[in-house]
């Protein structure tokens, strides 16, 4: 009977994942019908991407970080910069 309980649990997990994926809202693609898209000014994917990154940058909030970790990171970055840092192509 234990195998049945585990199978039922996996079925529940798979069902939850499938439901979450079925209602995934894409970030860039526009799923409106042609008429609605046309009435909205026929924005291209490039225009939409440009608008989206600007909105996200404007609403960005730095995640909280423990001050001691921030100090360690700042010290590490300062040390690496003093050593010449990682090579870049620019």
PDB file of N, CA and C in Angstrom:
ATOM      1  N   UNK A   1       0.813  -1.195   0.000  1.00  0.00           N
ATOM      2  CA  UNK A   1       0.000   0.000   0.000  1.00  0.00           C
ATOM      3  C   UNK A   1       0.856   1.257   0.000  1.00  0.00           C
ATOM      4  N   UNK A   2       2.092   1.162   0.485  1.00  0.00           N
ATOM      5  CA  UNK A   2       2.975   2.318   0.515  1.00  0.00           C
ATOM      6  C   UNK A   2       3.272   2.835  -0.890  1.00  0.00           C
ATOM      7  N   UNK A   3       3.429   1.946  -1.858  1.00  0.00           N
ATOM      8  CA  UNK A   3       3.714   2.372  -3.231  1.00  0.00           C
ATOM      9  C   UNK A   3       2.578   3.216  -3.776  1.00  0.00           C
ATOM     10  N   UNK A   4       1.345   2.913  -3.406  1.00  0.00           N
ATOM     11  CA  UNK A   4       0.196   3.676  -3.877  1.00  0.00           C
ATOM     12  C   UNK A   4       0.229   5.100  -3.318  1.00  0.00           C
ATOM     13  N   UNK A   5       0.601   5.234  -2.051  1.00  0.00           N
ATOM     14  CA  UNK A   5       0.669   6.551  -1.417  1.00  0.00           C
ATOM     15  C   UNK A   5       1.732   7.400  -2.078  1.00  0.00           C
ATOM     16  N   UNK A   6       2.889   6.802  -2.360  1.00  0.00           N
ATOM     17  CA  UNK A   6       3.957   7.545  -3.022  1.00  0.00           C
ATOM     18  C   UNK A   6       3.556   7.927  -4.440  1.00  0.00           C
ATOM     19  N   UNK A   7       2.893   7.027  -5.140  1.00  0.00           N
ATOM     20  CA  UNK A   7       2.444   7.331  -6.502  1.00  0.00           C
ATOM     21  C   UNK A   7       1.435   8.464  -6.484  1.00  0.00           C
ATOM     22  N   UNK A   8       0.550   8.462  -5.500  1.00  0.00           N
ATOM     23  CA  UNK A   8      -0.446   9.532  -5.401  1.00  0.00           C
ATOM     24  C   UNK A   8       0.239  10.865  -5.108  1.00  0.00           C
ATOM     25  N   UNK A   9       1.286  10.842  -4.281  1.00  0.00           N
ATOM     26  CA  UNK A   9       2.022  12.063  -3.972  1.00  0.00           C
ATOM     27  C   UNK A   9       2.718  12.605  -5.207  1.00  0.00           C
ATOM     28  N   UNK A  10       3.348  11.736  -5.986  1.00  0.00           N
ATOM     29  CA  UNK A  10       4.013  12.169  -7.206  1.00  0.00           C
ATOM     30  C   UNK A  10       3.005  12.701  -8.206  1.00  0.00           C
ATOM     31  N   UNK A  11       1.842  12.067  -8.263  1.00  0.00           N
ATOM     32  CA  UNK A  11       0.800  12.548  -9.170  1.00  0.00           C
ATOM     33  C   UNK A  11       0.374  13.960  -8.781  1.00  0.00           C
ATOM     34  N   UNK A  12       0.291  14.227  -7.493  1.00  0.00           N
ATOM     35  CA  UNK A  12      -0.076  15.566  -7.027  1.00  0.00           C
ATOM     36  C   UNK A  12       1.001  16.584  -7.397  1.00  0.00           C
ATOM     37  N   UNK A  13       2.266  16.214  -7.220  1.00  0.00           N
ATOM     38  CA  UNK A  13       3.371  17.108  -7.571  1.00  0.00           C
ATOM     39  C   UNK A  13       3.358  17.405  -9.067  1.00  0.00           C
ATOM     40  N   UNK A  14       3.202  16.383  -9.873  1.00  0.00           N
ATOM     41  CA  UNK A  14       3.172  16.566 -11.324  1.00  0.00           C
ATOM     42  C   UNK A  14       1.995  17.440 -11.729  1.00  0.00           C
ATOM     43  N   UNK A  15       0.859  17.250 -11.091  1.00  0.00           N
ATOM     44  CA  UNK A  15      -0.321  18.049 -11.389  1.00  0.00           C
ATOM     45  C   UNK A  15      -0.091  19.524 -11.061  1.00  0.00           C
ATOM     46  N   UNK A  16       0.531  19.812  -9.933  1.00  0.00           N
ATOM     47  CA  UNK A  16       0.813  21.189  -9.543  1.00  0.00           C
ATOM     48  C   UNK A  16       1.778  21.832 -10.530  1.00  0.00           C
ATOM     49  N   UNK A  17       2.832  21.107 -10.902  1.00  0.00           N
ATOM     50  CA  UNK A  17       3.796  21.650 -11.860  1.00  0.00           C
ATOM     51  C   UNK A  17       3.164  21.900 -13.218  1.00  0.00           C
ATOM     52  N   UNK A  18       2.366  20.964 -13.688  1.00  0.00           N
ATOM     53  CA  UNK A  18       1.707  21.120 -14.983  1.00  0.00           C
ATOM     54  C   UNK A  18       0.770  22.317 -14.969  1.00  0.00           C
ATOM     55  N   UNK A  19       0.065  22.515 -13.892  1.00  0.00           N
ATOM     56  CA  UNK A  19      -0.842  23.654 -13.786  1.00  0.00           C
ATOM     57  C   UNK A  19      -0.066  24.962 -13.777  1.00  0.00           C
ATOM     58  N   UNK A  20       1.037  24.998 -13.049  1.00  0.00           N
ATOM     59  CA  UNK A  20       1.846  26.217 -12.999  1.00  0.00           C
ATOM     60  C   UNK A  20       2.406  26.555 -14.370  1.00  0.00           C
ATOM     61  N   UNK A  21       2.851  25.554 -15.106  1.00  0.00           N
ATOM     62  CA  UNK A  21       3.407  25.797 -16.433  1.00  0.00           C
ATOM     63  C   UNK A  21       2.330  26.165 -17.449  1.00  0.00           C
ATOM     64  N   UNK A  22       1.143  25.658 -17.281  1.00  0.00           N
ATOM     65  CA  UNK A  22       0.061  25.932 -18.227  1.00  0.00           C
ATOM     66  C   UNK A  22      -0.336  27.398 -18.198  1.00  0.00           C
ATOM     67  N   UNK A  23      -0.180  28.055 -17.057  1.00  0.00           N
ATOM     68  CA  UNK A  23      -0.577  29.452 -16.933  1.00  0.00           C
ATOM     69  C   UNK A  23       0.621  30.386 -16.882  1.00  0.00           C
ATOM     70  N   UNK A  24       1.749  29.970 -17.419  1.00  0.00           N
ATOM     71  CA  UNK A  24       2.953  30.791 -17.461  1.00  0.00           C
ATOM     72  C   UNK A  24       2.715  32.012 -18.345  1.00  0.00           C
ATOM     73  N   UNK A  25       3.007  33.169 -17.829  1.00  0.00           N
ATOM     74  CA  UNK A  25       2.868  34.398 -18.606  1.00  0.00           C
ATOM     75  C   UNK A  25       4.238  34.801 -19.134  1.00  0.00           C
ATOM     76  N   UNK A  26       4.435  34.768 -20.444  1.00  0.00           N
ATOM     77  CA  UNK A  26       5.747  35.112 -20.999  1.00  0.00           C
ATOM     78  C   UNK A  26       6.079  36.585 -20.762  1.00  0.00           C
ATOM     79  N   UNK A  27       7.361  36.871 -20.653  1.00  0.00           N
ATOM     80  CA  UNK A  27       7.805  38.231 -20.377  1.00  0.00           C
ATOM     81  C   UNK A  27       7.761  39.090 -21.644  1.00  0.00           C
ATOM     82  N   UNK A  28       8.226  38.564 -22.746  1.00  0.00           N
ATOM     83  CA  UNK A  28       8.392  39.390 -23.934  1.00  0.00           C
ATOM     84  C   UNK A  28       7.334  39.172 -25.007  1.00  0.00           C
ATOM     85  N   UNK A  29       6.949  37.942 -25.252  1.00  0.00           N
ATOM     86  CA  UNK A  29       6.019  37.699 -26.363  1.00  0.00           C
ATOM     87  C   UNK A  29       4.642  38.266 -26.051  1.00  0.00           C
ATOM     88  N   UNK A  30       3.951  38.684 -27.085  1.00  0.00           N
ATOM     89  CA  UNK A  30       2.639  39.306 -26.965  1.00  0.00           C
ATOM     90  C   UNK A  30       1.595  38.346 -27.514  1.00  0.00           C
ATOM     91  N   UNK A  31       0.706  37.882 -26.667  1.00  0.00           N
ATOM     92  CA  UNK A  31      -0.264  36.863 -27.069  1.00  0.00           C
ATOM     93  C   UNK A  31      -1.629  37.449 -27.413  1.00  0.00           C
ATOM     94  N   UNK A  32      -1.692  38.751 -27.572  1.00  0.00           N
ATOM     95  CA  UNK A  32      -2.965  39.357 -27.962  1.00  0.00           C
ATOM     96  C   UNK A  32      -3.299  38.976 -29.399  1.00  0.00           C
ATOM     97  N   UNK A  33      -4.587  39.052 -29.745  1.00  0.00           N
ATOM     98  CA  UNK A  33      -4.946  38.791 -31.134  1.00  0.00           C
ATOM     99  C   UNK A  33      -4.530  39.979 -31.994  1.00  0.00           C
ATOM    100  N   UNK A  34      -4.574  39.810 -33.298  1.00  0.00           N
ATOM    101  CA  UNK A  34      -4.067  40.819 -34.222  1.00  0.00           C
ATOM    102  C   UNK A  34      -4.775  42.165 -34.051  1.00  0.00           C
ATOM    103  N   UNK A  35      -6.092  42.127 -33.926  1.00  0.00           N
ATOM    104  CA  UNK A  35      -6.855  43.373 -33.836  1.00  0.00           C
ATOM    105  C   UNK A  35      -6.452  44.182 -32.604  1.00  0.00           C
ATOM    106  N   UNK A  36      -6.342  43.504 -31.474  1.00  0.00           N
ATOM    107  CA  UNK A  36      -5.972  44.192 -30.230  1.00  0.00           C
ATOM    108  C   UNK A  36      -4.544  44.716 -30.322  1.00  0.00           C
ATOM    109  N   UNK A  37      -3.658  43.918 -30.869  1.00  0.00           N
ATOM    110  CA  UNK A  37      -2.257  44.329 -31.034  1.00  0.00           C
ATOM    111  C   UNK A  37      -2.169  45.530 -31.963  1.00  0.00           C
ATOM    112  N   UNK A  38      -2.926  45.507 -33.030  1.00  0.00           N
ATOM    113  CA  UNK A  38      -2.929  46.600 -33.999  1.00  0.00           C
ATOM    114  C   UNK A  38      -3.482  47.881 -33.373  1.00  0.00           C
ATOM    115  N   UNK A  39      -4.549  47.764 -32.597  1.00  0.00           N
ATOM    116  CA  UNK A  39      -5.141  48.929 -31.937  1.00  0.00           C
ATOM    117  C   UNK A  39      -4.193  49.533 -30.905  1.00  0.00           C
ATOM    118  N   UNK A  40      -3.311  48.714 -30.360  1.00  0.00           N
ATOM    119  CA  UNK A  40      -2.334  49.187 -29.366  1.00  0.00           C
ATOM    120  C   UNK A  40      -1.127  49.838 -30.023  1.00  0.00           C
ATOM    121  N   UNK A  41      -1.149  49.983 -31.350  1.00  0.00           N
ATOM    122  CA  UNK A  41      -0.054  50.640 -32.051  1.00  0.00           C
ATOM    123  C   UNK A  41       0.928  49.696 -32.701  1.00  0.00           C
ATOM    124  N   UNK A  42       0.627  48.421 -32.748  1.00  0.00           N
ATOM    125  CA  UNK A  42       1.468  47.400 -33.378  1.00  0.00           C
ATOM    126  C   UNK A  42       2.911  47.420 -32.873  1.00  0.00           C
ATOM    127  N   UNK A  43       3.108  47.359 -31.557  1.00  0.00           N
ATOM    128  CA  UNK A  43       4.479  47.421 -31.041  1.00  0.00           C
ATOM    129  C   UNK A  43       5.285  46.184 -31.445  1.00  0.00           C
ATOM    130  N   UNK A  44       6.531  46.416 -31.830  1.00  0.00           N
ATOM    131  CA  UNK A  44       7.411  45.305 -32.192  1.00  0.00           C
ATOM    132  C   UNK A  44       7.988  44.690 -30.921  1.00  0.00           C
ATOM    133  N   UNK A  45       8.591  43.526 -31.070  1.00  0.00           N
ATOM    134  CA  UNK A  45       9.225  42.860 -29.925  1.00  0.00           C
ATOM    135  C   UNK A  45      10.372  43.708 -29.383  1.00  0.00           C
ATOM    136  N   UNK A  46      11.067  44.406 -30.258  1.00  0.00           N
ATOM    137  CA  UNK A  46      12.176  45.265 -29.817  1.00  0.00           C
ATOM    138  C   UNK A  46      11.646  46.421 -28.976  1.00  0.00           C
ATOM    139  N   UNK A  47      10.563  47.032 -29.409  1.00  0.00           N
ATOM    140  CA  UNK A  47       9.963  48.127 -28.639  1.00  0.00           C
ATOM    141  C   UNK A  47       9.456  47.626 -27.284  1.00  0.00           C
ATOM    142  N   UNK A  48       8.849  46.462 -27.298  1.00  0.00           N
ATOM    143  CA  UNK A  48       8.325  45.885 -26.059  1.00  0.00           C
ATOM    144  C   UNK A  48       9.473  45.558 -25.100  1.00  0.00           C
ATOM    145  N   UNK A  49      10.536  44.965 -25.612  1.00  0.00           N
ATOM    146  CA  UNK A  49      11.694  44.635 -24.773  1.00  0.00           C
ATOM    147  C   UNK A  49      12.310  45.903 -24.190  1.00  0.00           C
ATOM    148  N   UNK A  50      12.398  46.947 -24.997  1.00  0.00           N
ATOM    149  CA  UNK A  50      12.957  48.214 -24.540  1.00  0.00           C
ATOM    150  C   UNK A  50      12.118  48.792 -23.399  1.00  0.00           C
ATOM    151  N   UNK A  51      10.808  48.757 -23.544  1.00  0.00           N
ATOM    152  CA  UNK A  51       9.913  49.262 -22.504  1.00  0.00           C
ATOM    153  C   UNK A  51      10.023  48.424 -21.231  1.00  0.00           C
ATOM    154  N   UNK A  52      10.090  47.110 -21.386  1.00  0.00           N
ATOM    155  CA  UNK A  52      10.117  46.210 -20.228  1.00  0.00           C
ATOM    156  C   UNK A  52      11.390  46.394 -19.407  1.00  0.00           C
ATOM    157  N   UNK A  53      12.565  46.487 -20.069  1.00  0.00           N
ATOM    158  CA  UNK A  53      13.791  46.616 -19.275  1.00  0.00           C
ATOM    159  C   UNK A  53      13.833  47.950 -18.556  1.00  0.00           C
ATOM    160  N   UNK A  54      13.293  48.998 -19.178  1.00  0.00           N
ATOM    161  CA  UNK A  54      13.267  50.305 -18.518  1.00  0.00           C
ATOM    162  C   UNK A  54      12.337  50.280 -17.302  1.00  0.00           C
ATOM    163  N   UNK A  55      11.183  49.616 -17.436  1.00  0.00           N
ATOM    164  CA  UNK A  55      10.262  49.494 -16.301  1.00  0.00           C
ATOM    165  C   UNK A  55      10.905  48.712 -15.164  1.00  0.00           C
ATOM    166  N   UNK A  56      11.559  47.621 -15.498  1.00  0.00           N
ATOM    167  CA  UNK A  56      12.187  46.789 -14.460  1.00  0.00           C
ATOM    168  C   UNK A  56      13.337  47.511 -13.771  1.00  0.00           C
ATOM    169  N   UNK A  57      14.114  48.259 -14.535  1.00  0.00           N
ATOM    170  CA  UNK A  57      15.211  49.009 -13.940  1.00  0.00           C
ATOM    171  C   UNK A  57      14.673  50.102 -13.024  1.00  0.00           C
ATOM    172  N   UNK A  58      13.601  50.770 -13.431  1.00  0.00           N
ATOM    173  CA  UNK A  58      13.021  51.846 -12.626  1.00  0.00           C
ATOM    174  C   UNK A  58      12.427  51.329 -11.320  1.00  0.00           C
ATOM    175  N   UNK A  59      11.932  50.088 -11.310  1.00  0.00           N
ATOM    176  CA  UNK A  59      11.292  49.551 -10.109  1.00  0.00           C
ATOM    177  C   UNK A  59      12.211  48.634  -9.303  1.00  0.00           C
ATOM    178  N   UNK A  60      13.490  48.517  -9.709  1.00  0.00           N
ATOM    179  CA  UNK A  60      14.419  47.620  -9.022  1.00  0.00           C
ATOM    180  C   UNK A  60      14.673  48.089  -7.598  1.00  0.00           C
ATOM    181  N   UNK A  61      14.663  47.141  -6.677  1.00  0.00           N
ATOM    182  CA  UNK A  61      15.035  47.394  -5.293  1.00  0.00           C
ATOM    183  C   UNK A  61      16.131  46.412  -4.924  1.00  0.00           C
ATOM    184  N   UNK A  62      17.219  46.944  -4.399  1.00  0.00           N
ATOM    185  CA  UNK A  62      18.332  46.070  -4.008  1.00  0.00           C
ATOM    186  C   UNK A  62      17.870  45.149  -2.888  1.00  0.00           C
ATOM    187  N   UNK A  63      18.148  43.841  -3.021  1.00  0.00           N
ATOM    188  CA  UNK A  63      17.721  42.914  -1.970  1.00  0.00           C
ATOM    189  C   UNK A  63      18.489  43.172  -0.672  1.00  0.00           C
ATOM    190  N   UNK A  64      17.861  42.892   0.457  1.00  0.00           N
ATOM    191  CA  UNK A  64      18.544  43.120   1.733  1.00  0.00           C
ATOM    192  C   UNK A  64      19.747  42.191   1.882  1.00  0.00           C
ATOM    193  N   UNK A  65      20.788  42.725   2.505  1.00  0.00           N
ATOM    194  CA  UNK A  65      21.996  41.919   2.728  1.00  0.00           C
ATOM    195  C   UNK A  65      22.562  42.282   4.090  1.00  0.00           C
ATOM    196  N   UNK A  66      23.031  41.282   4.785  1.00  0.00           N
ATOM    197  CA  UNK A  66      23.653  41.489   6.083  1.00  0.00           C
ATOM    198  C   UNK A  66      24.847  42.434   5.908  1.00  0.00           C
ATOM    199  N   UNK A  67      24.968  43.468   6.733  1.00  0.00           N
ATOM    200  CA  UNK A  67      26.068  44.434   6.584  1.00  0.00           C
ATOM    201  C   UNK A  67      27.455  43.800   6.621  1.00  0.00           C
ATOM    202  N   UNK A  68      27.643  42.756   7.419  1.00  0.00           N
ATOM    203  CA  UNK A  68      28.965  42.119   7.489  1.00  0.00           C
ATOM    204  C   UNK A  68      29.300  41.423   6.160  1.00  0.00           C
ATOM    205  N   UNK A  69      28.298  40.835   5.522  1.00  0.00           N
ATOM    206  CA  UNK A  69      28.525  40.208   4.217  1.00  0.00           C
ATOM    207  C   UNK A  69      28.835  41.274   3.183  1.00  0.00           C
ATOM    208  N   UNK A  70      28.130  42.404   3.224  1.00  0.00           N
ATOM    209  CA  UNK A  70      28.385  43.511   2.295  1.00  0.00           C
ATOM    210  C   UNK A  70      29.822  44.007   2.449  1.00  0.00           C
ATOM    211  N   UNK A  71      30.289  44.141   3.703  1.00  0.00           N
ATOM    212  CA  UNK A  71      31.666  44.582   3.943  1.00  0.00           C
ATOM    213  C   UNK A  71      32.667  43.593   3.365  1.00  0.00           C
ATOM    214  N   UNK A  72      32.427  42.295   3.557  1.00  0.00           N
ATOM    215  CA  UNK A  72      33.327  41.277   3.009  1.00  0.00           C
ATOM    216  C   UNK A  72      33.355  41.343   1.484  1.00  0.00           C
ATOM    217  N   UNK A  73      32.188  41.498   0.864  1.00  0.00           N
ATOM    218  CA  UNK A  73      32.137  41.601  -0.593  1.00  0.00           C
ATOM    219  C   UNK A  73      32.863  42.840  -1.095  1.00  0.00           C
ATOM    220  N   UNK A  74      32.635  43.961  -0.434  1.00  0.00           N
ATOM    221  CA  UNK A  74      33.315  45.195  -0.837  1.00  0.00           C
ATOM    222  C   UNK A  74      34.827  45.054  -0.708  1.00  0.00           C
ATOM    223  N   UNK A  75      35.287  44.417   0.383  1.00  0.00           N
ATOM    224  CA  UNK A  75      36.729  44.201   0.565  1.00  0.00           C
ATOM    225  C   UNK A  75      37.282  43.279  -0.513  1.00  0.00           C
ATOM    226  N   UNK A  76      36.542  42.238  -0.859  1.00  0.00           N
ATOM    227  CA  UNK A  76      36.975  41.311  -1.896  1.00  0.00           C
ATOM    228  C   UNK A  76      37.084  42.016  -3.245  1.00  0.00           C
ATOM    229  N   UNK A  77      36.079  42.810  -3.592  1.00  0.00           N
ATOM    230  CA  UNK A  77      36.089  43.525  -4.871  1.00  0.00           C
ATOM    231  C   UNK A  77      37.247  44.521  -4.907  1.00  0.00           C
ATOM    232  N   UNK A  78      37.462  45.236  -3.813  1.00  0.00           N
ATOM    233  CA  UNK A  78      38.569  46.201  -3.756  1.00  0.00           C
ATOM    234  C   UNK A  78      39.912  45.490  -3.938  1.00  0.00           C
ATOM    235  N   UNK A  79      40.066  44.344  -3.301  1.00  0.00           N
ATOM    236  CA  UNK A  79      41.307  43.568  -3.411  1.00  0.00           C
ATOM    237  C   UNK A  79      41.526  43.107  -4.849  1.00  0.00           C
ATOM    238  N   UNK A  80      40.481  42.567  -5.485  1.00  0.00           N
ATOM    239  CA  UNK A  80      40.597  42.078  -6.865  1.00  0.00           C
ATOM    240  C   UNK A  80      40.891  43.228  -7.821  1.00  0.00           C
ATOM    241  N   UNK A  81      40.297  44.385  -7.592  1.00  0.00           N
ATOM    242  CA  UNK A  81      40.580  45.541  -8.460  1.00  0.00           C
ATOM    243  C   UNK A  81      42.021  45.983  -8.300  1.00  0.00           C
ATOM    244  N   UNK A  82      42.512  45.959  -7.074  1.00  0.00           N
ATOM    245  CA  UNK A  82      43.905  46.345  -6.824  1.00  0.00           C
ATOM    246  C   UNK A  82      44.869  45.368  -7.485  1.00  0.00           C
ATOM    247  N   UNK A  83      44.463  44.087  -7.576  1.00  0.00           N
ATOM    248  CA  UNK A  83      45.306  43.070  -8.213  1.00  0.00           C
ATOM    249  C   UNK A  83      45.186  43.103  -9.733  1.00  0.00           C
ATOM    250  N   UNK A  84      44.315  43.920 -10.247  1.00  0.00           N
ATOM    251  CA  UNK A  84      44.133  43.987 -11.694  1.00  0.00           C
ATOM    252  C   UNK A  84      42.833  43.379 -12.152  1.00  0.00           C
ATOM    253  N   UNK A  85      42.125  42.704 -11.265  1.00  0.00           N
ATOM    254  CA  UNK A  85      40.821  42.125 -11.612  1.00  0.00           C
ATOM    255  C   UNK A  85      40.913  41.042 -12.652  1.00  0.00           C
ATOM    256  N   UNK A  86      39.781  40.630 -13.122  1.00  0.00           N
ATOM    257  CA  UNK A  86      39.710  39.605 -14.164  1.00  0.00           C
ATOM    258  C   UNK A  86      39.874  40.282 -15.515  1.00  0.00           C
ATOM    259  N   UNK A  87      40.558  39.626 -16.450  1.00  0.00           N
ATOM    260  CA  UNK A  87      40.705  40.220 -17.782  1.00  0.00           C
ATOM    261  C   UNK A  87      39.345  40.355 -18.476  1.00  0.00           C
ATOM    262  N   UNK A  88      39.174  41.443 -19.184  1.00  0.00           N
ATOM    263  CA  UNK A  88      37.932  41.679 -19.926  1.00  0.00           C
ATOM    264  C   UNK A  88      38.257  41.946 -21.388  1.00  0.00           C
ATOM    265  N   UNK A  89      37.225  42.016 -22.189  1.00  0.00           N
ATOM    266  CA  UNK A  89      37.436  42.297 -23.617  1.00  0.00           C
ATOM    267  C   UNK A  89      37.105  43.747 -23.962  1.00  0.00           C
ATOM    268  N   UNK A  90      37.031  44.616 -22.966  1.00  0.00           N
ATOM    269  CA  UNK A  90      36.774  46.031 -23.243  1.00  0.00           C
ATOM    270  C   UNK A  90      37.737  46.924 -22.532  1.00  0.00           C
TER     271      UNK A  90
END
